[in-house]
N, C-alpha and C. Protein backbone atom coordinates (compact mmCIF):
# COMPACT_ATOMS: atom_id res chain seq x y z
N MET A 1 -50.46 115.52 140.90
CA MET A 1 -51.78 115.07 140.49
C MET A 1 -51.85 113.55 140.62
N LYS A 2 -52.91 113.06 141.20
CA LYS A 2 -53.16 111.63 141.29
C LYS A 2 -53.89 111.16 140.04
N ALA A 3 -53.87 109.86 139.82
CA ALA A 3 -54.65 109.30 138.72
C ALA A 3 -56.13 109.56 138.99
N GLU A 4 -56.86 109.86 137.93
CA GLU A 4 -58.29 110.17 138.05
C GLU A 4 -59.08 109.23 137.15
N GLN A 5 -59.99 108.48 137.74
CA GLN A 5 -60.81 107.58 136.94
C GLN A 5 -61.85 108.40 136.17
N LEU A 6 -61.85 108.25 134.84
CA LEU A 6 -62.79 108.97 133.99
C LEU A 6 -63.98 108.12 133.57
N LEU A 7 -63.77 106.81 133.51
CA LEU A 7 -64.84 105.93 133.05
C LEU A 7 -64.65 104.54 133.66
N ARG A 8 -65.71 104.00 134.16
CA ARG A 8 -65.74 102.59 134.61
C ARG A 8 -67.16 102.12 134.36
N GLN A 9 -67.31 101.25 133.36
CA GLN A 9 -68.65 100.85 132.97
C GLN A 9 -68.63 99.42 132.42
N ARG A 10 -69.63 98.66 132.79
CA ARG A 10 -69.84 97.33 132.23
C ARG A 10 -71.24 97.31 131.64
N LEU A 11 -71.31 96.99 130.37
CA LEU A 11 -72.59 96.93 129.67
C LEU A 11 -72.87 95.49 129.26
N VAL A 12 -73.99 94.98 129.70
CA VAL A 12 -74.42 93.63 129.31
C VAL A 12 -75.05 93.76 127.93
N LEU A 13 -74.49 93.05 126.96
CA LEU A 13 -74.94 93.15 125.57
C LEU A 13 -75.88 92.01 125.18
N SER A 14 -75.76 90.91 125.87
CA SER A 14 -76.65 89.77 125.66
C SER A 14 -76.50 88.85 126.87
N GLU A 15 -77.21 87.74 126.84
CA GLU A 15 -77.15 86.80 127.95
C GLU A 15 -75.72 86.30 128.19
N ASP A 16 -74.91 86.22 127.14
CA ASP A 16 -73.57 85.65 127.25
C ASP A 16 -72.44 86.63 126.91
N ALA A 17 -72.76 87.92 126.76
CA ALA A 17 -71.72 88.87 126.33
C ALA A 17 -71.82 90.19 127.07
N PHE A 18 -70.65 90.79 127.32
CA PHE A 18 -70.61 92.13 127.91
C PHE A 18 -69.39 92.89 127.41
N ALA A 19 -69.46 94.20 127.56
CA ALA A 19 -68.31 95.08 127.27
C ALA A 19 -67.96 95.79 128.58
N GLU A 20 -66.68 95.88 128.85
CA GLU A 20 -66.22 96.58 130.05
C GLU A 20 -65.20 97.62 129.64
N MET A 21 -65.38 98.84 130.13
CA MET A 21 -64.51 99.95 129.77
C MET A 21 -64.02 100.65 131.02
N VAL A 22 -62.70 100.81 131.13
CA VAL A 22 -62.08 101.50 132.25
C VAL A 22 -61.04 102.46 131.67
N VAL A 23 -61.15 103.74 132.04
CA VAL A 23 -60.20 104.75 131.56
C VAL A 23 -59.78 105.64 132.73
N TRP A 24 -58.48 105.86 132.84
CA TRP A 24 -57.90 106.74 133.86
C TRP A 24 -57.10 107.84 133.19
N ARG A 25 -57.12 109.02 133.76
CA ARG A 25 -56.15 110.08 133.39
C ARG A 25 -55.02 109.94 134.40
N VAL A 26 -53.80 109.79 133.90
CA VAL A 26 -52.65 109.57 134.77
C VAL A 26 -51.73 110.79 134.76
N PRO A 27 -50.94 110.97 135.82
CA PRO A 27 -50.09 112.17 135.93
C PRO A 27 -49.09 112.32 134.78
N SER A 28 -48.59 111.21 134.26
CA SER A 28 -47.66 111.27 133.12
C SER A 28 -47.90 110.04 132.25
N HIS A 29 -47.51 110.15 131.00
CA HIS A 29 -47.81 109.05 130.07
C HIS A 29 -47.07 107.78 130.47
N LEU A 30 -47.68 106.65 130.12
CA LEU A 30 -47.07 105.35 130.37
C LEU A 30 -45.98 105.11 129.35
N GLN A 31 -44.98 104.35 129.71
CA GLN A 31 -43.91 104.01 128.78
C GLN A 31 -44.52 103.36 127.54
N GLY A 32 -44.23 103.91 126.37
CA GLY A 32 -44.76 103.39 125.12
C GLY A 32 -45.98 104.13 124.62
N SER A 33 -46.56 105.01 125.43
CA SER A 33 -47.72 105.83 125.01
C SER A 33 -47.33 107.30 125.05
N GLU A 34 -48.00 108.10 124.24
CA GLU A 34 -47.69 109.53 124.15
C GLU A 34 -48.80 110.41 124.71
N HIS A 35 -49.65 109.87 125.58
CA HIS A 35 -50.79 110.60 126.12
C HIS A 35 -50.92 110.28 127.60
N ALA A 36 -51.77 110.99 128.28
CA ALA A 36 -51.91 110.84 129.74
C ALA A 36 -53.13 110.01 130.14
N PHE A 37 -53.35 108.90 129.43
CA PHE A 37 -54.47 108.02 129.75
C PHE A 37 -54.00 106.59 129.90
N LYS A 38 -54.62 105.87 130.80
CA LYS A 38 -54.45 104.43 130.96
C LYS A 38 -55.83 103.84 130.73
N TYR A 39 -55.92 102.84 129.85
CA TYR A 39 -57.25 102.32 129.52
C TYR A 39 -57.24 100.81 129.31
N ARG A 40 -58.44 100.25 129.46
CA ARG A 40 -58.69 98.84 129.19
C ARG A 40 -60.14 98.75 128.73
N LEU A 41 -60.34 98.36 127.49
CA LEU A 41 -61.67 98.18 126.93
C LEU A 41 -61.77 96.74 126.45
N ALA A 42 -62.74 96.00 126.94
CA ALA A 42 -62.82 94.58 126.61
C ALA A 42 -64.22 94.18 126.19
N TYR A 43 -64.27 93.25 125.25
CA TYR A 43 -65.52 92.63 124.83
C TYR A 43 -65.38 91.13 125.11
N VAL A 44 -66.28 90.60 125.93
CA VAL A 44 -66.19 89.22 126.41
C VAL A 44 -67.47 88.47 126.05
N VAL A 45 -67.29 87.27 125.49
CA VAL A 45 -68.42 86.41 125.12
C VAL A 45 -68.15 85.02 125.70
N ASP A 46 -69.13 84.48 126.40
CA ASP A 46 -69.01 83.15 127.02
C ASP A 46 -67.74 83.04 127.85
N GLY A 47 -67.39 84.09 128.55
CA GLY A 47 -66.21 84.08 129.41
C GLY A 47 -64.89 84.22 128.69
N GLN A 48 -64.92 84.40 127.37
CA GLN A 48 -63.70 84.53 126.58
C GLN A 48 -63.57 85.96 126.06
N CYS A 49 -62.42 86.57 126.29
CA CYS A 49 -62.17 87.92 125.79
C CYS A 49 -61.85 87.85 124.30
N LEU A 50 -62.77 88.37 123.48
CA LEU A 50 -62.57 88.36 122.03
C LEU A 50 -61.83 89.60 121.54
N LEU A 51 -61.94 90.68 122.32
CA LEU A 51 -61.35 91.96 121.91
C LEU A 51 -60.94 92.73 123.15
N ARG A 52 -59.71 93.30 123.14
CA ARG A 52 -59.29 94.15 124.25
C ARG A 52 -58.34 95.21 123.73
N PHE A 53 -58.69 96.46 123.98
CA PHE A 53 -57.81 97.59 123.71
C PHE A 53 -57.18 97.96 125.05
N ASP A 54 -55.86 98.11 125.09
CA ASP A 54 -55.21 98.54 126.32
C ASP A 54 -53.84 99.15 126.02
N ASN A 55 -53.24 99.69 127.06
CA ASN A 55 -51.92 100.29 126.92
C ASN A 55 -51.07 100.02 128.16
N GLU A 56 -50.66 98.79 128.29
CA GLU A 56 -49.84 98.44 129.44
C GLU A 56 -48.44 99.04 129.28
N PRO A 57 -47.81 99.40 130.40
CA PRO A 57 -46.47 100.01 130.34
C PRO A 57 -45.49 99.12 129.57
N GLY A 58 -44.71 99.77 128.71
CA GLY A 58 -43.71 99.05 127.92
C GLY A 58 -44.22 98.59 126.58
N LYS A 59 -45.51 98.29 126.47
CA LYS A 59 -46.09 97.86 125.19
C LYS A 59 -46.75 99.01 124.45
N GLY A 60 -47.19 100.01 125.18
CA GLY A 60 -47.87 101.13 124.56
C GLY A 60 -49.27 100.75 124.09
N ASP A 61 -49.81 101.55 123.21
CA ASP A 61 -51.18 101.38 122.73
C ASP A 61 -51.25 100.19 121.77
N HIS A 62 -52.18 99.29 122.02
CA HIS A 62 -52.37 98.13 121.17
C HIS A 62 -53.73 97.51 121.46
N TYR A 63 -54.09 96.52 120.66
CA TYR A 63 -55.31 95.79 120.94
C TYR A 63 -55.13 94.32 120.62
N HIS A 64 -55.94 93.53 121.27
CA HIS A 64 -55.94 92.09 121.10
C HIS A 64 -57.23 91.71 120.39
N LEU A 65 -57.11 90.98 119.32
CA LEU A 65 -58.26 90.49 118.57
C LEU A 65 -58.10 88.97 118.51
N GLY A 66 -58.84 88.29 119.36
CA GLY A 66 -58.61 86.86 119.51
C GLY A 66 -57.20 86.63 120.06
N ASP A 67 -56.41 85.83 119.38
CA ASP A 67 -55.04 85.54 119.80
C ASP A 67 -54.02 86.52 119.23
N LYS A 68 -54.45 87.43 118.39
CA LYS A 68 -53.53 88.38 117.76
C LYS A 68 -53.38 89.64 118.60
N GLU A 69 -52.16 90.19 118.63
CA GLU A 69 -51.91 91.49 119.26
C GLU A 69 -51.47 92.45 118.16
N LEU A 70 -52.20 93.56 118.03
CA LEU A 70 -51.96 94.51 116.95
C LEU A 70 -51.71 95.90 117.50
N ALA A 71 -50.89 96.68 116.80
CA ALA A 71 -50.61 98.06 117.21
C ALA A 71 -51.86 98.90 117.04
N TYR A 72 -51.99 99.92 117.88
CA TYR A 72 -53.11 100.85 117.79
C TYR A 72 -52.57 102.27 117.88
N LYS A 73 -52.99 103.14 116.98
CA LYS A 73 -52.57 104.54 117.00
C LYS A 73 -53.61 105.35 117.77
N PHE A 74 -53.28 105.73 118.99
CA PHE A 74 -54.18 106.51 119.83
C PHE A 74 -54.21 107.95 119.32
N GLU A 75 -55.42 108.47 119.08
CA GLU A 75 -55.59 109.86 118.66
C GLU A 75 -56.35 110.67 119.70
N SER A 76 -57.40 110.07 120.28
CA SER A 76 -58.20 110.73 121.31
C SER A 76 -59.05 109.67 122.01
N LEU A 77 -59.58 110.03 123.17
CA LEU A 77 -60.47 109.10 123.87
C LEU A 77 -61.72 108.81 123.04
N GLU A 78 -62.25 109.84 122.41
CA GLU A 78 -63.46 109.68 121.61
C GLU A 78 -63.22 108.69 120.47
N LYS A 79 -62.09 108.81 119.80
CA LYS A 79 -61.77 107.91 118.69
C LYS A 79 -61.51 106.49 119.20
N LEU A 80 -60.84 106.37 120.35
CA LEU A 80 -60.61 105.06 120.96
C LEU A 80 -61.93 104.35 121.21
N LEU A 81 -62.88 105.04 121.84
CA LEU A 81 -64.18 104.44 122.13
C LEU A 81 -64.93 104.09 120.84
N ASP A 82 -64.85 104.97 119.87
CA ASP A 82 -65.50 104.72 118.58
C ASP A 82 -64.89 103.49 117.90
N ASP A 83 -63.56 103.40 117.88
CA ASP A 83 -62.88 102.25 117.27
C ASP A 83 -63.24 100.95 117.99
N PHE A 84 -63.30 101.01 119.31
CA PHE A 84 -63.67 99.84 120.10
C PHE A 84 -65.08 99.37 119.72
N TRP A 85 -66.05 100.28 119.71
CA TRP A 85 -67.43 99.89 119.42
C TRP A 85 -67.60 99.42 117.98
N LYS A 86 -66.84 99.98 117.05
CA LYS A 86 -66.90 99.48 115.67
C LYS A 86 -66.44 98.03 115.60
N GLN A 87 -65.36 97.71 116.32
CA GLN A 87 -64.87 96.33 116.35
C GLN A 87 -65.89 95.41 117.03
N VAL A 88 -66.48 95.87 118.13
CA VAL A 88 -67.50 95.07 118.83
C VAL A 88 -68.67 94.80 117.88
N ASP A 89 -69.16 95.83 117.20
CA ASP A 89 -70.27 95.66 116.27
C ASP A 89 -69.93 94.67 115.16
N THR A 90 -68.70 94.73 114.65
CA THR A 90 -68.27 93.80 113.62
C THR A 90 -68.28 92.37 114.16
N LEU A 91 -67.74 92.18 115.35
CA LEU A 91 -67.71 90.84 115.95
C LEU A 91 -69.11 90.31 116.24
N ARG A 92 -70.02 91.20 116.59
CA ARG A 92 -71.40 90.80 116.88
C ARG A 92 -72.23 90.60 115.61
N GLY A 93 -71.65 90.99 114.46
CA GLY A 93 -72.38 90.86 113.19
C GLY A 93 -73.38 91.98 112.96
N VAL A 94 -73.19 93.10 113.68
CA VAL A 94 -74.11 94.23 113.55
C VAL A 94 -73.77 95.02 112.28
N LEU A 95 -72.49 95.09 111.91
CA LEU A 95 -72.10 95.84 110.71
C LEU A 95 -72.01 94.95 109.51
């Protein structure tokens, strides 16, 4: 099985901000992750990435909030997207 792209989307949220989401189903899990997905979800304002959820090989599931890198417990794609948007809403002052 080859990698299959499940999602590739960029949403413009304001004149200076956007969210970009890319998710792949991969043939086998990446080192450090226990699932068959490779993902990158980012929230960018004025050219600066304020939030990024990703799972690069060796690091596993984690997210970046400003300069901090924090562990993330992956449960499902739906929960990942929900957690990402909750963080984006918090950063935007929506919540």
